[in-house]
């Protein structure tokens, strides 16, 4: 297995979405690890303080080629990464070894027409937030004494599908999942749709509440170390994950009711296969011990719900790899 370094430069990032036509930024083999860099905020860099815009990010903002601007979304992503041997029908396991803010500053924004309360908060609003990386907190509003724990994660982890798609809505391909449970130590499993998988990563969040209700988290540039592994015999139709504490399923749909139904169906399927119990027993088990949370309500047109089942309740030998 090899280790790679993928720095964020104007040759290795893309803005706005996913595309099957993008030239890969890196080629790896199954089981390889990658130290990856990401930046956030290309669409607000000219309003940012200098600490938010190091020279390498400024170069991207000013010189990113038109062919690496696809999809029309607001996210800057590093990749895509080509995984040798990946084919449609496979599953790509993304293991998050580390996730670390690369700057001591982030931002939060309300964009007109975005968020859960557009009828009440219709005007744009942008604030930059200091990250106290030594103590692992961010005070907001400044001077309020309200200190939010920093829990860094990547909002976007996804693979390409045929053609081009906007970076905002998540789906079976992953993408803009915005799930704060996906901390370092977690493993995310994504269905593969194209040869090579074409995996991209970005949208670093220093902290986010369930729902991400105003439309953004503490958005910041993020570094991480990931491991990409192909799973050839793991049928999967939507992303699932394993965190240090839980088995996690996802549901995405235009309504929260439908997103919840999708997350619940996935949890029933996962538990019945993992534990070797009937689907009826798995359904009852969800009622007894699973928890379902709103992931986000702002990534139009797809809202998100995720289910969590405590790993401690399962026999220790049970892992997602045995599905």
C-alpha atoms as a PDB file:
ATOM      1  CA  UNK A   1       0.000   0.000   0.000  1.00  0.00           C
ATOM      2  CA  UNK A   2       1.240   3.482  -0.846  1.00  0.00           C
ATOM      3  CA  UNK A   3       0.866   6.876   0.802  1.00  0.00           C
ATOM      4  CA  UNK A   4       0.180   9.969  -1.288  1.00  0.00           C
ATOM      5  CA  UNK A   5       0.030  13.716  -0.721  1.00  0.00           C
ATOM      6  CA  UNK A   6      -2.656  15.668  -2.567  1.00  0.00           C
ATOM      7  CA  UNK A   7      -2.186  19.400  -2.123  1.00  0.00           C
ATOM      8  CA  UNK A   8      -4.919  21.837  -3.082  1.00  0.00           C
ATOM      9  CA  UNK A   9      -3.790  23.788  -6.136  1.00  0.00           C
ATOM     10  CA  UNK A  10      -5.521  25.183  -9.206  1.00  0.00           C
ATOM     11  CA  UNK A  11      -4.634  21.906 -10.967  1.00  0.00           C
ATOM     12  CA  UNK A  12      -6.063  19.609  -8.267  1.00  0.00           C
ATOM     13  CA  UNK A  13      -9.313  21.279  -7.189  1.00  0.00           C
ATOM     14  CA  UNK A  14     -12.646  21.864  -8.883  1.00  0.00           C
ATOM     15  CA  UNK A  15     -15.468  24.243  -8.086  1.00  0.00           C
ATOM     16  CA  UNK A  16     -19.231  23.930  -8.207  1.00  0.00           C
ATOM     17  CA  UNK A  17     -19.916  20.235  -8.542  1.00  0.00           C
ATOM     18  CA  UNK A  18     -18.968  16.805  -9.835  1.00  0.00           C
ATOM     19  CA  UNK A  19     -18.327  15.782 -13.438  1.00  0.00           C
ATOM     20  CA  UNK A  20     -17.348  12.599 -15.208  1.00  0.00           C
ATOM     21  CA  UNK A  21     -15.290  14.762 -17.573  1.00  0.00           C
ATOM     22  CA  UNK A  22     -12.929  16.194 -14.954  1.00  0.00           C
ATOM     23  CA  UNK A  23      -9.295  15.145 -15.250  1.00  0.00           C
ATOM     24  CA  UNK A  24      -8.273  13.167 -12.142  1.00  0.00           C
ATOM     25  CA  UNK A  25      -5.992  14.999  -9.746  1.00  0.00           C
ATOM     26  CA  UNK A  26      -4.469  11.751  -8.428  1.00  0.00           C
ATOM     27  CA  UNK A  27      -4.500   8.011  -9.172  1.00  0.00           C
ATOM     28  CA  UNK A  28      -4.339   5.530  -6.286  1.00  0.00           C
ATOM     29  CA  UNK A  29      -4.792   1.812  -5.648  1.00  0.00           C
ATOM     30  CA  UNK A  30      -7.193   0.213  -3.215  1.00  0.00           C
ATOM     31  CA  UNK A  31      -5.840   0.477   0.319  1.00  0.00           C
ATOM     32  CA  UNK A  32      -3.696   3.557  -0.349  1.00  0.00           C
ATOM     33  CA  UNK A  33      -3.746   6.503   2.052  1.00  0.00           C
ATOM     34  CA  UNK A  34      -3.789  10.148   1.030  1.00  0.00           C
ATOM     35  CA  UNK A  35      -2.869  13.279   2.977  1.00  0.00           C
ATOM     36  CA  UNK A  36      -5.317  15.716   1.407  1.00  0.00           C
ATOM     37  CA  UNK A  37      -5.655  19.501   1.554  1.00  0.00           C
ATOM     38  CA  UNK A  38      -8.904  21.411   1.008  1.00  0.00           C
ATOM     39  CA  UNK A  39      -9.914  25.070   0.900  1.00  0.00           C
ATOM     40  CA  UNK A  40     -13.329  26.641   1.413  1.00  0.00           C
ATOM     41  CA  UNK A  41     -14.779  30.031   0.531  1.00  0.00           C
ATOM     42  CA  UNK A  42     -13.881  30.699  -3.101  1.00  0.00           C
ATOM     43  CA  UNK A  43     -17.094  32.699  -3.525  1.00  0.00           C
ATOM     44  CA  UNK A  44     -16.375  35.019  -0.541  1.00  0.00           C
ATOM     45  CA  UNK A  45     -12.547  35.230  -0.579  1.00  0.00           C
ATOM     46  CA  UNK A  46     -12.581  38.892  -1.661  1.00  0.00           C
ATOM     47  CA  UNK A  47     -14.534  39.786   1.502  1.00  0.00           C
ATOM     48  CA  UNK A  48     -12.293  37.788   3.833  1.00  0.00           C
ATOM     49  CA  UNK A  49      -9.506  38.912   6.178  1.00  0.00           C
ATOM     50  CA  UNK A  50      -5.942  38.005   5.095  1.00  0.00           C
ATOM     51  CA  UNK A  51      -5.730  35.091   7.550  1.00  0.00           C
ATOM     52  CA  UNK A  52      -8.479  33.313   5.588  1.00  0.00           C
ATOM     53  CA  UNK A  53      -6.715  33.654   2.221  1.00  0.00           C
ATOM     54  CA  UNK A  54      -3.167  32.225   2.219  1.00  0.00           C
ATOM     55  CA  UNK A  55      -1.251  32.683  -1.061  1.00  0.00           C
ATOM     56  CA  UNK A  56      -1.972  29.177  -2.386  1.00  0.00           C
ATOM     57  CA  UNK A  57      -5.720  29.725  -1.902  1.00  0.00           C
ATOM     58  CA  UNK A  58      -5.576  33.155  -3.531  1.00  0.00           C
ATOM     59  CA  UNK A  59      -3.914  31.565  -6.560  1.00  0.00           C
ATOM     60  CA  UNK A  60      -6.819  29.128  -6.855  1.00  0.00           C
ATOM     61  CA  UNK A  61      -9.410  31.881  -6.489  1.00  0.00           C
ATOM     62  CA  UNK A  62      -7.824  34.037  -9.173  1.00  0.00           C
ATOM     63  CA  UNK A  63      -6.583  31.439 -11.663  1.00  0.00           C
ATOM     64  CA  UNK A  64      -8.810  28.339 -11.523  1.00  0.00           C
ATOM     65  CA  UNK A  65      -9.435  27.272 -15.124  1.00  0.00           C
ATOM     66  CA  UNK A  66     -12.918  27.339 -16.597  1.00  0.00           C
ATOM     67  CA  UNK A  67     -12.871  23.583 -17.264  1.00  0.00           C
ATOM     68  CA  UNK A  68     -12.525  22.954 -13.514  1.00  0.00           C
ATOM     69  CA  UNK A  69     -15.643  25.022 -12.770  1.00  0.00           C
ATOM     70  CA  UNK A  70     -18.570  22.644 -13.166  1.00  0.00           C
ATOM     71  CA  UNK A  71     -22.067  22.210 -11.806  1.00  0.00           C
ATOM     72  CA  UNK A  72     -22.852  25.733 -10.616  1.00  0.00           C
ATOM     73  CA  UNK A  73     -22.619  25.029  -6.874  1.00  0.00           C
ATOM     74  CA  UNK A  74     -20.698  26.977  -4.179  1.00  0.00           C
ATOM     75  CA  UNK A  75     -18.206  24.314  -3.045  1.00  0.00           C
ATOM     76  CA  UNK A  76     -14.486  24.011  -3.766  1.00  0.00           C
ATOM     77  CA  UNK A  77     -13.451  20.344  -3.794  1.00  0.00           C
ATOM     78  CA  UNK A  78     -10.118  18.563  -4.007  1.00  0.00           C
ATOM     79  CA  UNK A  79      -9.985  15.791  -6.598  1.00  0.00           C
ATOM     80  CA  UNK A  80     -11.264  13.825  -8.293  1.00  0.00           C
ATOM     81  CA  UNK A  81      -9.198  10.841  -7.187  1.00  0.00           C
ATOM     82  CA  UNK A  82      -9.125   7.864  -9.574  1.00  0.00           C
ATOM     83  CA  UNK A  83      -9.116   4.510  -7.757  1.00  0.00           C
ATOM     84  CA  UNK A  84      -7.597   1.796  -9.944  1.00  0.00           C
ATOM     85  CA  UNK A  85      -9.941  -1.139 -10.436  1.00  0.00           C
ATOM     86  CA  UNK A  86     -13.103   0.636  -9.287  1.00  0.00           C
ATOM     87  CA  UNK A  87     -16.134  -0.323 -11.364  1.00  0.00           C
ATOM     88  CA  UNK A  88     -19.854   0.462 -11.234  1.00  0.00           C
ATOM     89  CA  UNK A  89     -21.492  -1.725  -8.604  1.00  0.00           C
ATOM     90  CA  UNK A  90     -18.444  -1.678  -6.324  1.00  0.00           C
ATOM     91  CA  UNK A  91     -18.385   0.140  -2.992  1.00  0.00           C
ATOM     92  CA  UNK A  92     -15.710   2.665  -2.034  1.00  0.00           C
ATOM     93  CA  UNK A  93     -14.789   2.668   1.645  1.00  0.00           C
ATOM     94  CA  UNK A  94     -13.462   6.035   2.820  1.00  0.00           C
ATOM     95  CA  UNK A  95     -11.680   5.754   6.161  1.00  0.00           C
ATOM     96  CA  UNK A  96     -11.085   9.072   7.905  1.00  0.00           C
ATOM     97  CA  UNK A  97      -7.800   8.777   9.787  1.00  0.00           C
ATOM     98  CA  UNK A  98      -7.535  12.483  10.653  1.00  0.00           C
ATOM     99  CA  UNK A  99      -9.481  15.707  10.074  1.00  0.00           C
ATOM    100  CA  UNK A 100      -7.829  18.980  11.105  1.00  0.00           C
ATOM    101  CA  UNK A 101      -8.606  22.656  10.411  1.00  0.00           C
ATOM    102  CA  UNK A 102      -5.736  24.135   8.402  1.00  0.00           C
ATOM    103  CA  UNK A 103      -6.566  27.741   9.418  1.00  0.00           C
ATOM    104  CA  UNK A 104      -7.549  29.365  12.703  1.00  0.00           C
ATOM    105  CA  UNK A 105     -10.482  31.133  11.070  1.00  0.00           C
ATOM    106  CA  UNK A 106     -13.767  30.158   9.436  1.00  0.00           C
ATOM    107  CA  UNK A 107     -16.974  31.818   8.331  1.00  0.00           C
ATOM    108  CA  UNK A 108     -20.723  31.525   8.655  1.00  0.00           C
ATOM    109  CA  UNK A 109     -23.108  33.034   6.130  1.00  0.00           C
ATOM    110  CA  UNK A 110     -26.797  33.525   5.525  1.00  0.00           C
ATOM    111  CA  UNK A 111     -27.403  33.732   1.796  1.00  0.00           C
ATOM    112  CA  UNK A 112     -30.602  35.311   0.454  1.00  0.00           C
ATOM    113  CA  UNK A 113     -33.058  32.547  -0.399  1.00  0.00           C
ATOM    114  CA  UNK A 114     -31.124  29.903   1.551  1.00  0.00           C
ATOM    115  CA  UNK A 115     -31.731  28.361   4.941  1.00  0.00           C
ATOM    116  CA  UNK A 116     -34.706  27.053   6.871  1.00  0.00           C
ATOM    117  CA  UNK A 117     -36.238  30.462   7.727  1.00  0.00           C
ATOM    118  CA  UNK A 118     -36.009  32.433   4.502  1.00  0.00           C
ATOM    119  CA  UNK A 119     -39.269  34.235   5.274  1.00  0.00           C
ATOM    120  CA  UNK A 120     -37.728  35.671   8.469  1.00  0.00           C
ATOM    121  CA  UNK A 121     -34.061  36.035   7.558  1.00  0.00           C
ATOM    122  CA  UNK A 122     -34.017  37.055   3.912  1.00  0.00           C
ATOM    123  CA  UNK A 123     -30.959  39.314   3.839  1.00  0.00           C
ATOM    124  CA  UNK A 124     -27.368  38.194   3.340  1.00  0.00           C
ATOM    125  CA  UNK A 125     -25.139  38.036   6.400  1.00  0.00           C
ATOM    126  CA  UNK A 126     -21.449  37.045   6.556  1.00  0.00           C
ATOM    127  CA  UNK A 127     -19.282  36.698   9.665  1.00  0.00           C
ATOM    128  CA  UNK A 128     -15.764  35.401  10.135  1.00  0.00           C
ATOM    129  CA  UNK A 129     -15.148  33.366  13.275  1.00  0.00           C
ATOM    130  CA  UNK A 130     -11.852  32.825  15.109  1.00  0.00           C
ATOM    131  CA  UNK A 131     -11.021  29.194  15.847  1.00  0.00           C
ATOM    132  CA  UNK A 132      -9.167  28.618  19.107  1.00  0.00           C
ATOM    133  CA  UNK A 133      -7.393  25.490  17.948  1.00  0.00           C
ATOM    134  CA  UNK A 134      -5.373  25.154  21.159  1.00  0.00           C
ATOM    135  CA  UNK A 135      -8.498  24.869  23.297  1.00  0.00           C
ATOM    136  CA  UNK A 136     -10.735  23.364  20.618  1.00  0.00           C
ATOM    137  CA  UNK A 137     -13.444  26.019  20.760  1.00  0.00           C
ATOM    138  CA  UNK A 138     -14.960  28.830  18.714  1.00  0.00           C
ATOM    139  CA  UNK A 139     -16.653  31.747  20.460  1.00  0.00           C
ATOM    140  CA  UNK A 140     -19.787  32.982  18.718  1.00  0.00           C
ATOM    141  CA  UNK A 141     -20.918  35.714  18.750  1.00  0.00           C
ATOM    142  CA  UNK A 142     -17.549  37.249  19.581  1.00  0.00           C
ATOM    143  CA  UNK A 143     -17.496  38.478  23.169  1.00  0.00           C
ATOM    144  CA  UNK A 144     -20.637  36.546  24.129  1.00  0.00           C
ATOM    145  CA  UNK A 145     -18.869  33.881  26.174  1.00  0.00           C
ATOM    146  CA  UNK A 146     -20.680  31.203  24.130  1.00  0.00           C
ATOM    147  CA  UNK A 147     -17.945  28.733  23.205  1.00  0.00           C
ATOM    148  CA  UNK A 148     -18.758  26.046  20.665  1.00  0.00           C
ATOM    149  CA  UNK A 149     -16.665  22.855  20.679  1.00  0.00           C
ATOM    150  CA  UNK A 150     -14.716  22.363  17.466  1.00  0.00           C
ATOM    151  CA  UNK A 151     -15.713  19.025  15.869  1.00  0.00           C
ATOM    152  CA  UNK A 152     -14.089  19.103  12.430  1.00  0.00           C
ATOM    153  CA  UNK A 153     -15.428  17.060   9.532  1.00  0.00           C
ATOM    154  CA  UNK A 154     -15.685  17.144   5.752  1.00  0.00           C
ATOM    155  CA  UNK A 155     -19.158  18.146   4.590  1.00  0.00           C
ATOM    156  CA  UNK A 156     -18.609  16.678   1.131  1.00  0.00           C
ATOM    157  CA  UNK A 157     -17.326  13.175   0.428  1.00  0.00           C
ATOM    158  CA  UNK A 158     -18.614  11.870  -2.857  1.00  0.00           C
ATOM    159  CA  UNK A 159     -18.067  10.078  -6.136  1.00  0.00           C
ATOM    160  CA  UNK A 160     -18.937  11.203  -9.645  1.00  0.00           C
ATOM    161  CA  UNK A 161     -21.902  10.048 -11.689  1.00  0.00           C
ATOM    162  CA  UNK A 162     -22.418  10.290 -15.446  1.00  0.00           C
ATOM    163  CA  UNK A 163     -22.409  13.874 -16.695  1.00  0.00           C
ATOM    164  CA  UNK A 164     -22.257  16.891 -14.411  1.00  0.00           C
ATOM    165  CA  UNK A 165     -24.112  17.654 -11.190  1.00  0.00           C
ATOM    166  CA  UNK A 166     -24.315  20.561  -8.758  1.00  0.00           C
ATOM    167  CA  UNK A 167     -22.403  20.185  -5.483  1.00  0.00           C
ATOM    168  CA  UNK A 168     -25.345  21.194  -3.266  1.00  0.00           C
ATOM    169  CA  UNK A 169     -27.717  18.198  -3.104  1.00  0.00           C
ATOM    170  CA  UNK A 170     -26.479  14.907  -1.601  1.00  0.00           C
ATOM    171  CA  UNK A 171     -27.602  11.537  -2.859  1.00  0.00           C
ATOM    172  CA  UNK A 172     -26.700   7.894  -3.332  1.00  0.00           C
ATOM    173  CA  UNK A 173     -23.264   9.082  -4.483  1.00  0.00           C
ATOM    174  CA  UNK A 174     -22.636  10.849  -1.165  1.00  0.00           C
ATOM    175  CA  UNK A 175     -21.626  14.395  -1.964  1.00  0.00           C
ATOM    176  CA  UNK A 176     -22.833  17.188   0.308  1.00  0.00           C
ATOM    177  CA  UNK A 177     -23.824  14.900   3.180  1.00  0.00           C
ATOM    178  CA  UNK A 178     -23.048  17.517   5.872  1.00  0.00           C
ATOM    179  CA  UNK A 179     -23.066  14.936   8.663  1.00  0.00           C
ATOM    180  CA  UNK A 180     -21.110  15.983  11.785  1.00  0.00           C
ATOM    181  CA  UNK A 181     -20.984  12.361  12.953  1.00  0.00           C
ATOM    182  CA  UNK A 182     -18.311  11.629  10.325  1.00  0.00           C
ATOM    183  CA  UNK A 183     -15.396  12.501  12.569  1.00  0.00           C
ATOM    184  CA  UNK A 184     -11.887  11.081  12.420  1.00  0.00           C
ATOM    185  CA  UNK A 185     -12.066   7.351  13.101  1.00  0.00           C
ATOM    186  CA  UNK A 186     -15.193   6.887  10.967  1.00  0.00           C
ATOM    187  CA  UNK A 187     -15.619   4.882   7.774  1.00  0.00           C
ATOM    188  CA  UNK A 188     -18.024   5.925   5.014  1.00  0.00           C
ATOM    189  CA  UNK A 189     -19.194   3.480   2.345  1.00  0.00           C
ATOM    190  CA  UNK A 190     -20.260   4.895  -1.039  1.00  0.00           C
ATOM    191  CA  UNK A 191     -21.724   3.090  -4.065  1.00  0.00           C
ATOM    192  CA  UNK A 192     -19.521   3.466  -7.171  1.00  0.00           C
ATOM    193  CA  UNK A 193     -21.152   4.616 -10.413  1.00  0.00           C
ATOM    194  CA  UNK A 194     -18.236   5.091 -12.827  1.00  0.00           C
ATOM    195  CA  UNK A 195     -14.889   3.428 -13.557  1.00  0.00           C
ATOM    196  CA  UNK A 196     -12.255   4.826 -11.205  1.00  0.00           C
ATOM    197  CA  UNK A 197     -14.952   6.077  -8.773  1.00  0.00           C
ATOM    198  CA  UNK A 198     -13.712   9.700  -9.201  1.00  0.00           C
ATOM    199  CA  UNK A 199     -13.848  10.598  -5.508  1.00  0.00           C
ATOM    200  CA  UNK A 200     -13.725  14.230  -4.348  1.00  0.00           C
ATOM    201  CA  UNK A 201     -13.602  15.791  -0.884  1.00  0.00           C
ATOM    202  CA  UNK A 202     -14.037  19.221   0.686  1.00  0.00           C
ATOM    203  CA  UNK A 203     -16.465  21.604   2.389  1.00  0.00           C
ATOM    204  CA  UNK A 204     -14.606  21.583   5.703  1.00  0.00           C
ATOM    205  CA  UNK A 205     -16.724  22.324   8.779  1.00  0.00           C
ATOM    206  CA  UNK A 206     -15.191  23.203  12.151  1.00  0.00           C
ATOM    207  CA  UNK A 207     -18.571  22.850  13.874  1.00  0.00           C
ATOM    208  CA  UNK A 208     -22.175  22.258  12.826  1.00  0.00           C
ATOM    209  CA  UNK A 209     -25.452  21.562  14.553  1.00  0.00           C
ATOM    210  CA  UNK A 210     -27.862  18.939  13.227  1.00  0.00           C
ATOM    211  CA  UNK A 211     -29.940  20.589  10.524  1.00  0.00           C
ATOM    212  CA  UNK A 212     -27.382  23.267   9.536  1.00  0.00           C
ATOM    213  CA  UNK A 213     -30.449  25.502   9.647  1.00  0.00           C
ATOM    214  CA  UNK A 214     -29.090  28.880   8.452  1.00  0.00           C
ATOM    215  CA  UNK A 215     -27.441  27.229   5.452  1.00  0.00           C
ATOM    216  CA  UNK A 216     -23.818  27.084   6.586  1.00  0.00           C
ATOM    217  CA  UNK A 217     -21.715  25.720   9.439  1.00  0.00           C
ATOM    218  CA  UNK A 218     -18.382  27.200  10.549  1.00  0.00           C
ATOM    219  CA  UNK A 219     -16.967  26.777   7.060  1.00  0.00           C
ATOM    220  CA  UNK A 220     -13.201  26.513   6.900  1.00  0.00           C
ATOM    221  CA  UNK A 221     -10.284  25.018   5.031  1.00  0.00           C
ATOM    222  CA  UNK A 222      -9.445  21.511   6.228  1.00  0.00           C
ATOM    223  CA  UNK A 223      -6.669  18.943   6.012  1.00  0.00           C
ATOM    224  CA  UNK A 224      -7.080  15.239   6.511  1.00  0.00           C
ATOM    225  CA  UNK A 225      -5.663  11.788   5.970  1.00  0.00           C
ATOM    226  CA  UNK A 226      -7.982   9.313   4.281  1.00  0.00           C
ATOM    227  CA  UNK A 227      -7.724   5.697   3.160  1.00  0.00           C
ATOM    228  CA  UNK A 228      -9.590   4.487   0.077  1.00  0.00           C
ATOM    229  CA  UNK A 229     -10.476   0.789  -0.212  1.00  0.00           C
ATOM    230  CA  UNK A 230     -12.598  -1.016  -2.778  1.00  0.00           C
ATOM    231  CA  UNK A 231     -15.240  -3.492  -1.639  1.00  0.00           C
ATOM    232  CA  UNK A 232     -16.249  -5.835  -4.454  1.00  0.00           C
ATOM    233  CA  UNK A 233     -18.956  -7.891  -2.736  1.00  0.00           C
ATOM    234  CA  UNK A 234     -20.923  -5.369  -0.686  1.00  0.00           C
ATOM    235  CA  UNK A 235     -24.251  -4.526  -2.361  1.00  0.00           C
ATOM    236  CA  UNK A 236     -25.181  -0.968  -1.442  1.00  0.00           C
ATOM    237  CA  UNK A 237     -27.701   1.528  -2.821  1.00  0.00           C
ATOM    238  CA  UNK A 238     -27.114   4.465  -0.459  1.00  0.00           C
ATOM    239  CA  UNK A 239     -24.250   5.661   1.766  1.00  0.00           C
ATOM    240  CA  UNK A 240     -23.778   4.025   5.147  1.00  0.00           C
ATOM    241  CA  UNK A 241     -21.078   4.561   7.737  1.00  0.00           C
ATOM    242  CA  UNK A 242     -19.492   3.192  10.857  1.00  0.00           C
ATOM    243  CA  UNK A 243     -18.385   5.688  13.492  1.00  0.00           C
ATOM    244  CA  UNK A 244     -16.470   4.855  16.665  1.00  0.00           C
ATOM    245  CA  UNK A 245     -19.825   4.646  18.472  1.00  0.00           C
ATOM    246  CA  UNK A 246     -22.545   3.848  15.923  1.00  0.00           C
ATOM    247  CA  UNK A 247     -23.695   2.190  12.735  1.00  0.00           C
ATOM    248  CA  UNK A 248     -25.037   5.037  10.591  1.00  0.00           C
ATOM    249  CA  UNK A 249     -27.502   5.034   7.707  1.00  0.00           C
ATOM    250  CA  UNK A 250     -28.523   7.937   5.488  1.00  0.00           C
ATOM    251  CA  UNK A 251     -31.693   9.089   3.798  1.00  0.00           C
ATOM    252  CA  UNK A 252     -32.051  11.909   1.265  1.00  0.00           C
ATOM    253  CA  UNK A 253     -35.309  13.173  -0.223  1.00  0.00           C
ATOM    254  CA  UNK A 254     -37.276  16.337  -0.939  1.00  0.00           C
ATOM    255  CA  UNK A 255     -39.164  16.057   2.361  1.00  0.00           C
ATOM    256  CA  UNK A 256     -37.966  15.119   5.831  1.00  0.00           C
ATOM    257  CA  UNK A 257     -40.662  12.440   6.031  1.00  0.00           C
ATOM    258  CA  UNK A 258     -39.316  10.731   2.907  1.00  0.00           C
ATOM    259  CA  UNK A 259     -35.689  11.189   4.015  1.00  0.00           C
ATOM    260  CA  UNK A 260     -36.552   9.547   7.337  1.00  0.00           C
ATOM    261  CA  UNK A 261     -38.267   6.645   5.566  1.00  0.00           C
ATOM    262  CA  UNK A 262     -35.147   6.111   3.438  1.00  0.00           C
ATOM    263  CA  UNK A 263     -32.821   6.157   6.456  1.00  0.00           C
ATOM    264  CA  UNK A 264     -35.114   3.741   8.313  1.00  0.00           C
ATOM    265  CA  UNK A 265     -35.380   1.314   5.375  1.00  0.00           C
ATOM    266  CA  UNK A 266     -31.591   1.341   5.130  1.00  0.00           C
ATOM    267  CA  UNK A 267     -31.192   0.696   8.865  1.00  0.00           C
ATOM    268  CA  UNK A 268     -33.593  -2.275   8.720  1.00  0.00           C
ATOM    269  CA  UNK A 269     -31.617  -3.739   5.827  1.00  0.00           C
ATOM    270  CA  UNK A 270     -28.245  -3.179   7.521  1.00  0.00           C
ATOM    271  CA  UNK A 271     -29.267  -4.613  10.894  1.00  0.00           C
ATOM    272  CA  UNK A 272     -30.948  -7.686   9.422  1.00  0.00           C
ATOM    273  CA  UNK A 273     -27.835  -8.523   7.378  1.00  0.00           C
ATOM    274  CA  UNK A 274     -25.294  -7.678  10.079  1.00  0.00           C
ATOM    275  CA  UNK A 275     -27.020  -9.414  12.970  1.00  0.00           C
ATOM    276  CA  UNK A 276     -28.497 -12.312  10.997  1.00  0.00           C
ATOM    277  CA  UNK A 277     -32.032 -11.514  12.144  1.00  0.00           C
ATOM    278  CA  UNK A 278     -35.273 -11.171  10.199  1.00  0.00           C
ATOM    279  CA  UNK A 279     -36.305  -7.853   8.707  1.00  0.00           C
ATOM    280  CA  UNK A 280     -39.281  -7.794  11.092  1.00  0.00           C
ATOM    281  CA  UNK A 281     -36.939  -8.247  14.050  1.00  0.00           C
ATOM    282  CA  UNK A 282     -34.643  -5.524  12.678  1.00  0.00           C
ATOM    283  CA  UNK A 283     -37.620  -3.156  12.308  1.00  0.00           C
ATOM    284  CA  UNK A 284     -38.583  -3.758  15.938  1.00  0.00           C
ATOM    285  CA  UNK A 285     -34.951  -3.339  16.997  1.00  0.00           C
ATOM    286  CA  UNK A 286     -34.924   0.093  15.364  1.00  0.00           C
ATOM    287  CA  UNK A 287     -37.904   1.059  17.497  1.00  0.00           C
ATOM    288  CA  UNK A 288     -36.150  -0.154  20.644  1.00  0.00           C
ATOM    289  CA  UNK A 289     -32.640   1.217  20.206  1.00  0.00           C
ATOM    290  CA  UNK A 290     -32.020   3.274  17.036  1.00  0.00           C
ATOM    291  CA  UNK A 291     -32.035   7.058  16.942  1.00  0.00           C
ATOM    292  CA  UNK A 292     -32.880   9.180  13.908  1.00  0.00           C
ATOM    293  CA  UNK A 293     -31.676  12.751  13.508  1.00  0.00           C
ATOM    294  CA  UNK A 294     -32.052  15.542  11.001  1.00  0.00           C
ATOM    295  CA  UNK A 295     -28.776  15.843   9.111  1.00  0.00           C
ATOM    296  CA  UNK A 296     -29.584  18.998   7.158  1.00  0.00           C
ATOM    297  CA  UNK A 297     -32.607  20.873   5.798  1.00  0.00           C
ATOM    298  CA  UNK A 298     -30.821  23.303   3.473  1.00  0.00           C
ATOM    299  CA  UNK A 299     -29.222  21.356   0.597  1.00  0.00           C
ATOM    300  CA  UNK A 300     -32.113  21.877  -1.802  1.00  0.00           C
ATOM    301  CA  UNK A 301     -33.792  19.869  -3.160  1.00  0.00           C
ATOM    302  CA  UNK A 302     -32.545  17.085  -0.881  1.00  0.00           C
ATOM    303  CA  UNK A 303     -33.106  17.139   2.865  1.00  0.00           C
ATOM    304  CA  UNK A 304     -31.193  14.600   4.966  1.00  0.00           C
ATOM    305  CA  UNK A 305     -31.904  12.285   7.885  1.00  0.00           C
ATOM    306  CA  UNK A 306     -29.474   9.834   9.431  1.00  0.00           C
ATOM    307  CA  UNK A 307     -30.070   6.829  11.649  1.00  0.00           C
ATOM    308  CA  UNK A 308     -27.722   5.780  14.448  1.00  0.00           C
ATOM    309  CA  UNK A 309     -27.559   2.350  16.049  1.00  0.00           C
ATOM    310  CA  UNK A 310     -25.129   1.942  18.988  1.00  0.00           C
ATOM    311  CA  UNK A 311     -22.307  -0.444  18.138  1.00  0.00           C
ATOM    312  CA  UNK A 312     -22.033  -1.449  21.789  1.00  0.00           C
ATOM    313  CA  UNK A 313     -25.333  -3.313  21.454  1.00  0.00           C
ATOM    314  CA  UNK A 314     -23.974  -5.563  18.711  1.00  0.00           C
ATOM    315  CA  UNK A 315     -21.659  -8.534  19.262  1.00  0.00           C
ATOM    316  CA  UNK A 316     -18.061  -7.259  18.999  1.00  0.00           C
ATOM    317  CA  UNK A 317     -17.257  -9.341  15.910  1.00  0.00           C
ATOM    318  CA  UNK A 318     -19.962  -7.648  13.829  1.00  0.00           C
ATOM    319  CA  UNK A 319     -18.637  -5.004  11.433  1.00  0.00           C
ATOM    320  CA  UNK A 320     -19.989  -3.485   8.252  1.00  0.00           C
ATOM    321  CA  UNK A 321     -17.369  -5.316   6.206  1.00  0.00           C
ATOM    322  CA  UNK A 322     -19.183  -8.568   6.889  1.00  0.00           C
ATOM    323  CA  UNK A 323     -22.372  -7.431   5.160  1.00  0.00           C
END
